[in-house]
Amino acid sequence: MKKVFITFFERVRNKEPDDWLTLQELCELLHISESKARSLKKSGRIGFIKSGKGSMFLAGDAFGLLERVEAVPRNGNDIYP
């Protein structure tokens, strides 16, 4: 469990919950592909705002998603609830 918290801290230490993330930053933070991030956005699992032709994601929403993912036991199912 300690390793999980250290990994989580390393991912988020330079971001504040009020910061906005680009699609690429979101993917790096969550360790997911751009298509998975778009799927999360389309399904409403993560909030976003339109910024020109792209989207921006609130870091606090990404942190919440990370917390939910870390709490889910790994049993081979999709890791993003």
C-alpha atoms as a PDB file:
ATOM      1  CA  MET A   1       0.000   0.000   0.000  1.00  0.00           C
ATOM      2  CA  LYS A   2       2.901   2.366   0.730  1.00  0.00           C
ATOM      3  CA  LYS A   3       4.141   1.939  -2.846  1.00  0.00           C
ATOM      4  CA  VAL A   4       0.708   2.942  -4.179  1.00  0.00           C
ATOM      5  CA  PHE A   5       0.742   6.189  -2.189  1.00  0.00           C
ATOM      6  CA  ILE A   6       4.293   7.002  -3.257  1.00  0.00           C
ATOM      7  CA  THR A   7       3.380   6.433  -6.904  1.00  0.00           C
ATOM      8  CA  PHE A   8       0.252   8.587  -6.530  1.00  0.00           C
ATOM      9  CA  PHE A   9       2.266  11.378  -4.873  1.00  0.00           C
ATOM     10  CA  GLU A  10       4.876  11.323  -7.636  1.00  0.00           C
ATOM     11  CA  ARG A  11       2.154  11.763 -10.270  1.00  0.00           C
ATOM     12  CA  VAL A  12       0.428  14.728  -8.625  1.00  0.00           C
ATOM     13  CA  ARG A  13       3.054  16.588  -6.603  1.00  0.00           C
ATOM     14  CA  ASN A  14       3.407  19.486  -9.062  1.00  0.00           C
ATOM     15  CA  LYS A  15      -0.299  20.017  -9.685  1.00  0.00           C
ATOM     16  CA  GLU A  16      -2.930  21.815  -7.651  1.00  0.00           C
ATOM     17  CA  PRO A  17      -6.601  20.730  -7.739  1.00  0.00           C
ATOM     18  CA  ASP A  18      -7.532  24.061  -9.375  1.00  0.00           C
ATOM     19  CA  ASP A  19      -5.017  23.645 -12.224  1.00  0.00           C
ATOM     20  CA  TRP A  20      -6.244  22.847 -15.722  1.00  0.00           C
ATOM     21  CA  LEU A  21      -4.684  19.983 -17.662  1.00  0.00           C
ATOM     22  CA  THR A  22      -4.370  19.442 -21.385  1.00  0.00           C
ATOM     23  CA  LEU A  23      -5.315  16.082 -22.864  1.00  0.00           C
ATOM     24  CA  GLN A  24      -1.647  15.099 -22.986  1.00  0.00           C
ATOM     25  CA  GLU A  25      -1.071  16.085 -19.329  1.00  0.00           C
ATOM     26  CA  LEU A  26      -4.160  14.134 -18.281  1.00  0.00           C
ATOM     27  CA  CYS A  27      -2.901  11.064 -20.131  1.00  0.00           C
ATOM     28  CA  GLU A  28       0.522  11.337 -18.480  1.00  0.00           C
ATOM     29  CA  LEU A  29      -1.001  11.806 -15.035  1.00  0.00           C
ATOM     30  CA  LEU A  30      -3.370   8.850 -15.342  1.00  0.00           C
ATOM     31  CA  HIS A  31      -1.036   6.711 -17.473  1.00  0.00           C
ATOM     32  CA  ILE A  32      -3.701   6.203 -20.128  1.00  0.00           C
ATOM     33  CA  SER A  33      -3.950   6.622 -23.892  1.00  0.00           C
ATOM     34  CA  GLU A  34      -5.620   9.596 -25.538  1.00  0.00           C
ATOM     35  CA  SER A  35      -8.441   7.352 -26.748  1.00  0.00           C
ATOM     36  CA  LYS A  36      -9.088   6.163 -23.161  1.00  0.00           C
ATOM     37  CA  ALA A  37      -9.129   9.792 -21.971  1.00  0.00           C
ATOM     38  CA  ARG A  38     -11.631  10.683 -24.687  1.00  0.00           C
ATOM     39  CA  SER A  39     -13.742   7.701 -23.659  1.00  0.00           C
ATOM     40  CA  LEU A  40     -13.747   8.899 -20.026  1.00  0.00           C
ATOM     41  CA  LYS A  41     -14.742  12.364 -21.225  1.00  0.00           C
ATOM     42  CA  LYS A  42     -17.505  11.077 -23.515  1.00  0.00           C
ATOM     43  CA  SER A  43     -18.975   8.828 -20.820  1.00  0.00           C
ATOM     44  CA  GLY A  44     -19.006  11.691 -18.298  1.00  0.00           C
ATOM     45  CA  ARG A  45     -16.527  10.049 -15.926  1.00  0.00           C
ATOM     46  CA  ILE A  46     -14.302  13.129 -16.017  1.00  0.00           C
ATOM     47  CA  GLY A  47     -15.365  16.728 -16.482  1.00  0.00           C
ATOM     48  CA  PHE A  48     -13.905  19.073 -19.072  1.00  0.00           C
ATOM     49  CA  ILE A  49     -14.264  22.441 -20.734  1.00  0.00           C
ATOM     50  CA  LYS A  50     -13.733  23.298 -24.367  1.00  0.00           C
ATOM     51  CA  SER A  51     -10.675  25.425 -25.080  1.00  0.00           C
ATOM     52  CA  GLY A  52     -10.499  26.287 -28.758  1.00  0.00           C
ATOM     53  CA  LYS A  53     -10.440  22.997 -30.642  1.00  0.00           C
ATOM     54  CA  GLY A  54      -9.240  21.048 -27.609  1.00  0.00           C
ATOM     55  CA  SER A  55     -10.436  20.271 -24.113  1.00  0.00           C
ATOM     56  CA  MET A  56      -9.076  21.135 -20.681  1.00  0.00           C
ATOM     57  CA  PHE A  57      -9.537  18.938 -17.634  1.00  0.00           C
ATOM     58  CA  LEU A  58      -9.625  20.056 -14.007  1.00  0.00           C
ATOM     59  CA  ALA A  59      -6.752  18.458 -12.083  1.00  0.00           C
ATOM     60  CA  GLY A  60      -9.034  17.922  -9.066  1.00  0.00           C
ATOM     61  CA  ASP A  61     -11.303  15.714 -11.190  1.00  0.00           C
ATOM     62  CA  ALA A  62      -8.298  13.695 -12.322  1.00  0.00           C
ATOM     63  CA  PHE A  63      -7.153  13.311  -8.705  1.00  0.00           C
ATOM     64  CA  GLY A  64     -10.628  12.066  -7.759  1.00  0.00           C
ATOM     65  CA  LEU A  65     -10.521   9.540 -10.573  1.00  0.00           C
ATOM     66  CA  LEU A  66      -7.082   8.381  -9.416  1.00  0.00           C
ATOM     67  CA  GLU A  67      -8.369   7.928  -5.863  1.00  0.00           C
ATOM     68  CA  ARG A  68     -11.314   5.836  -7.088  1.00  0.00           C
ATOM     69  CA  VAL A  69      -9.041   3.723  -9.285  1.00  0.00           C
ATOM     70  CA  GLU A  70      -6.562   3.085  -6.478  1.00  0.00           C
ATOM     71  CA  ALA A  71      -9.431   1.933  -4.227  1.00  0.00           C
ATOM     72  CA  VAL A  72     -10.742  -0.628  -6.735  1.00  0.00           C
ATOM     73  CA  PRO A  73      -9.254  -4.118  -6.374  1.00  0.00           C
ATOM     74  CA  ARG A  74      -7.600  -5.392  -9.550  1.00  0.00           C
ATOM     75  CA  ASN A  75      -9.536  -8.379 -10.851  1.00  0.00           C
ATOM     76  CA  GLY A  76      -8.926  -8.120 -14.572  1.00  0.00           C
ATOM     77  CA  ASN A  77     -11.846  -5.787 -15.277  1.00  0.00           C
ATOM     78  CA  ASP A  78     -11.571  -2.287 -16.676  1.00  0.00           C
ATOM     79  CA  ILE A  79      -9.625  -0.340 -14.050  1.00  0.00           C
ATOM     80  CA  TYR A  80     -11.599   2.869 -14.554  1.00  0.00           C
ATOM     81  CA  PRO A  81     -14.966   2.590 -12.793  1.00  0.00           C
END
